[in-house]
């Protein structure tokens, strides 16, 4: 995914909006990567349960930055806009169903 977006960034004029079809293709790829990661976390949680250690194991998954998907005519993580500086973080704590402060 990164190499495709890097190629797009390098080959296009950053002041010209991206073609709609190309933008949809890149967003589809990003969402596919997120969906795949989600399925892997699900498999991890299932395996922890199968091993009998799901009730006492905390799982934490985080990224290193946010990601632009065309906002401000930007792609990737090359800005200090809010979307570029947010850090995704998911935590699974056995027995905790809800938490406060979710954004």
C-alpha atoms as a PDB file:
ATOM      1  CA  UNK A   1       0.000   0.000   0.000  1.00  0.00           C
ATOM      2  CA  UNK A   2       2.730   2.448   0.951  1.00  0.00           C
ATOM      3  CA  UNK A   3       4.670   1.965  -2.283  1.00  0.00           C
ATOM      4  CA  UNK A   4       1.522   2.605  -4.362  1.00  0.00           C
ATOM      5  CA  UNK A   5       0.791   5.826  -2.470  1.00  0.00           C
ATOM      6  CA  UNK A   6       4.416   6.912  -2.642  1.00  0.00           C
ATOM      7  CA  UNK A   7       4.369   6.464  -6.428  1.00  0.00           C
ATOM      8  CA  UNK A   8       1.175   8.515  -6.626  1.00  0.00           C
ATOM      9  CA  UNK A   9       2.681  11.290  -4.487  1.00  0.00           C
ATOM     10  CA  UNK A  10       5.854  11.477  -6.549  1.00  0.00           C
ATOM     11  CA  UNK A  11       4.162  11.414  -9.972  1.00  0.00           C
ATOM     12  CA  UNK A  12       1.401  13.968  -9.493  1.00  0.00           C
ATOM     13  CA  UNK A  13       1.169  17.697  -8.997  1.00  0.00           C
ATOM     14  CA  UNK A  14       0.142  18.113  -5.363  1.00  0.00           C
ATOM     15  CA  UNK A  15      -1.970  21.161  -6.187  1.00  0.00           C
ATOM     16  CA  UNK A  16      -4.136  19.264  -8.671  1.00  0.00           C
ATOM     17  CA  UNK A  17      -6.902  17.106  -7.148  1.00  0.00           C
ATOM     18  CA  UNK A  18      -6.552  13.406  -7.806  1.00  0.00           C
ATOM     19  CA  UNK A  19      -8.784  11.709 -10.355  1.00  0.00           C
ATOM     20  CA  UNK A  20     -11.895  10.284  -8.597  1.00  0.00           C
ATOM     21  CA  UNK A  21     -11.332   6.755  -9.880  1.00  0.00           C
ATOM     22  CA  UNK A  22      -7.726   6.729  -8.628  1.00  0.00           C
ATOM     23  CA  UNK A  23      -8.799   8.138  -5.248  1.00  0.00           C
ATOM     24  CA  UNK A  24     -11.439   5.392  -4.903  1.00  0.00           C
ATOM     25  CA  UNK A  25      -8.850   2.745  -5.816  1.00  0.00           C
ATOM     26  CA  UNK A  26      -6.398   4.006  -3.193  1.00  0.00           C
ATOM     27  CA  UNK A  27      -9.079   4.277  -0.497  1.00  0.00           C
ATOM     28  CA  UNK A  28     -10.249   0.756  -1.323  1.00  0.00           C
ATOM     29  CA  UNK A  29      -6.691  -0.507  -0.848  1.00  0.00           C
ATOM     30  CA  UNK A  30      -6.346   1.310   2.475  1.00  0.00           C
ATOM     31  CA  UNK A  31      -9.669  -0.045   3.759  1.00  0.00           C
ATOM     32  CA  UNK A  32      -8.700  -3.541   2.617  1.00  0.00           C
ATOM     33  CA  UNK A  33      -5.478  -3.302   4.648  1.00  0.00           C
ATOM     34  CA  UNK A  34      -7.421  -2.128   7.714  1.00  0.00           C
ATOM     35  CA  UNK A  35      -9.952  -4.935   7.271  1.00  0.00           C
ATOM     36  CA  UNK A  36      -7.153  -7.511   6.962  1.00  0.00           C
ATOM     37  CA  UNK A  37      -5.514  -6.224  10.145  1.00  0.00           C
ATOM     38  CA  UNK A  38      -8.878  -6.404  11.916  1.00  0.00           C
ATOM     39  CA  UNK A  39      -9.267 -10.043  10.870  1.00  0.00           C
ATOM     40  CA  UNK A  40      -5.753 -10.845  12.168  1.00  0.00           C
ATOM     41  CA  UNK A  41      -6.560  -9.316  15.561  1.00  0.00           C
ATOM     42  CA  UNK A  42      -9.739 -11.418  15.629  1.00  0.00           C
ATOM     43  CA  UNK A  43      -7.704 -14.545  14.886  1.00  0.00           C
ATOM     44  CA  UNK A  44      -5.265 -13.613  17.662  1.00  0.00           C
ATOM     45  CA  UNK A  45      -8.091 -13.185  20.189  1.00  0.00           C
ATOM     46  CA  UNK A  46      -9.643 -16.517  19.084  1.00  0.00           C
ATOM     47  CA  UNK A  47      -6.288 -18.281  19.514  1.00  0.00           C
ATOM     48  CA  UNK A  48      -5.809 -16.804  22.981  1.00  0.00           C
ATOM     49  CA  UNK A  49      -9.226 -18.217  23.910  1.00  0.00           C
ATOM     50  CA  UNK A  50      -8.380 -21.606  22.384  1.00  0.00           C
ATOM     51  CA  UNK A  51      -5.177 -21.711  24.444  1.00  0.00           C
ATOM     52  CA  UNK A  52      -7.123 -20.888  27.598  1.00  0.00           C
ATOM     53  CA  UNK A  53      -5.290 -17.631  28.238  1.00  0.00           C
ATOM     54  CA  UNK A  54      -7.815 -15.190  26.826  1.00  0.00           C
ATOM     55  CA  UNK A  55      -9.195 -14.324  30.267  1.00  0.00           C
ATOM     56  CA  UNK A  56      -5.863 -13.016  31.561  1.00  0.00           C
ATOM     57  CA  UNK A  57      -4.217 -11.493  28.483  1.00  0.00           C
ATOM     58  CA  UNK A  58      -4.394  -7.828  27.481  1.00  0.00           C
ATOM     59  CA  UNK A  59      -3.870  -7.125  23.780  1.00  0.00           C
ATOM     60  CA  UNK A  60      -2.768  -3.673  22.626  1.00  0.00           C
ATOM     61  CA  UNK A  61      -2.419  -2.690  18.959  1.00  0.00           C
ATOM     62  CA  UNK A  62      -1.284   0.762  17.844  1.00  0.00           C
ATOM     63  CA  UNK A  63      -0.028   2.562  14.773  1.00  0.00           C
ATOM     64  CA  UNK A  64       2.667   5.178  14.473  1.00  0.00           C
ATOM     65  CA  UNK A  65       0.601   7.939  12.821  1.00  0.00           C
ATOM     66  CA  UNK A  66      -2.664   8.920  11.205  1.00  0.00           C
ATOM     67  CA  UNK A  67      -3.281   8.762   7.469  1.00  0.00           C
ATOM     68  CA  UNK A  68      -4.706  11.160   4.896  1.00  0.00           C
ATOM     69  CA  UNK A  69      -7.006   9.714   2.254  1.00  0.00           C
ATOM     70  CA  UNK A  70      -7.379  12.808   0.111  1.00  0.00           C
ATOM     71  CA  UNK A  71      -8.344  15.347   2.774  1.00  0.00           C
ATOM     72  CA  UNK A  72      -6.754  18.723   1.966  1.00  0.00           C
ATOM     73  CA  UNK A  73      -5.695  17.070  -1.320  1.00  0.00           C
ATOM     74  CA  UNK A  74      -3.132  15.063   0.691  1.00  0.00           C
ATOM     75  CA  UNK A  75      -2.319  11.376   0.713  1.00  0.00           C
ATOM     76  CA  UNK A  76      -0.221   9.469   3.288  1.00  0.00           C
ATOM     77  CA  UNK A  77       1.091  11.026   6.489  1.00  0.00           C
ATOM     78  CA  UNK A  78       2.891  14.158   5.409  1.00  0.00           C
ATOM     79  CA  UNK A  79       1.227  16.886   7.463  1.00  0.00           C
ATOM     80  CA  UNK A  80       0.442  18.177  10.912  1.00  0.00           C
ATOM     81  CA  UNK A  81      -3.308  18.304  10.255  1.00  0.00           C
ATOM     82  CA  UNK A  82      -5.266  16.421  12.888  1.00  0.00           C
ATOM     83  CA  UNK A  83      -5.752  13.305  10.738  1.00  0.00           C
ATOM     84  CA  UNK A  84      -2.011  13.064  10.185  1.00  0.00           C
ATOM     85  CA  UNK A  85      -1.093  13.194  13.866  1.00  0.00           C
ATOM     86  CA  UNK A  86      -3.741  10.966  15.407  1.00  0.00           C
ATOM     87  CA  UNK A  87      -2.380   7.632  16.569  1.00  0.00           C
ATOM     88  CA  UNK A  88      -4.711   4.645  16.247  1.00  0.00           C
ATOM     89  CA  UNK A  89      -4.799   2.487  19.387  1.00  0.00           C
ATOM     90  CA  UNK A  90      -6.987  -0.533  20.123  1.00  0.00           C
ATOM     91  CA  UNK A  91      -6.940  -2.349  23.446  1.00  0.00           C
ATOM     92  CA  UNK A  92      -8.705  -5.565  24.417  1.00  0.00           C
ATOM     93  CA  UNK A  93      -8.931  -6.058  28.183  1.00  0.00           C
ATOM     94  CA  UNK A  94     -10.724  -9.200  29.330  1.00  0.00           C
ATOM     95  CA  UNK A  95     -13.865  -8.342  31.291  1.00  0.00           C
ATOM     96  CA  UNK A  96     -14.008  -4.718  30.165  1.00  0.00           C
ATOM     97  CA  UNK A  97     -16.985  -4.127  27.885  1.00  0.00           C
ATOM     98  CA  UNK A  98     -17.006  -0.338  27.690  1.00  0.00           C
ATOM     99  CA  UNK A  99     -14.665   2.455  28.547  1.00  0.00           C
ATOM    100  CA  UNK A 100     -14.913   6.223  28.751  1.00  0.00           C
ATOM    101  CA  UNK A 101     -12.854   8.623  26.682  1.00  0.00           C
ATOM    102  CA  UNK A 102     -13.268   6.813  23.360  1.00  0.00           C
ATOM    103  CA  UNK A 103     -12.816   9.224  20.427  1.00  0.00           C
END
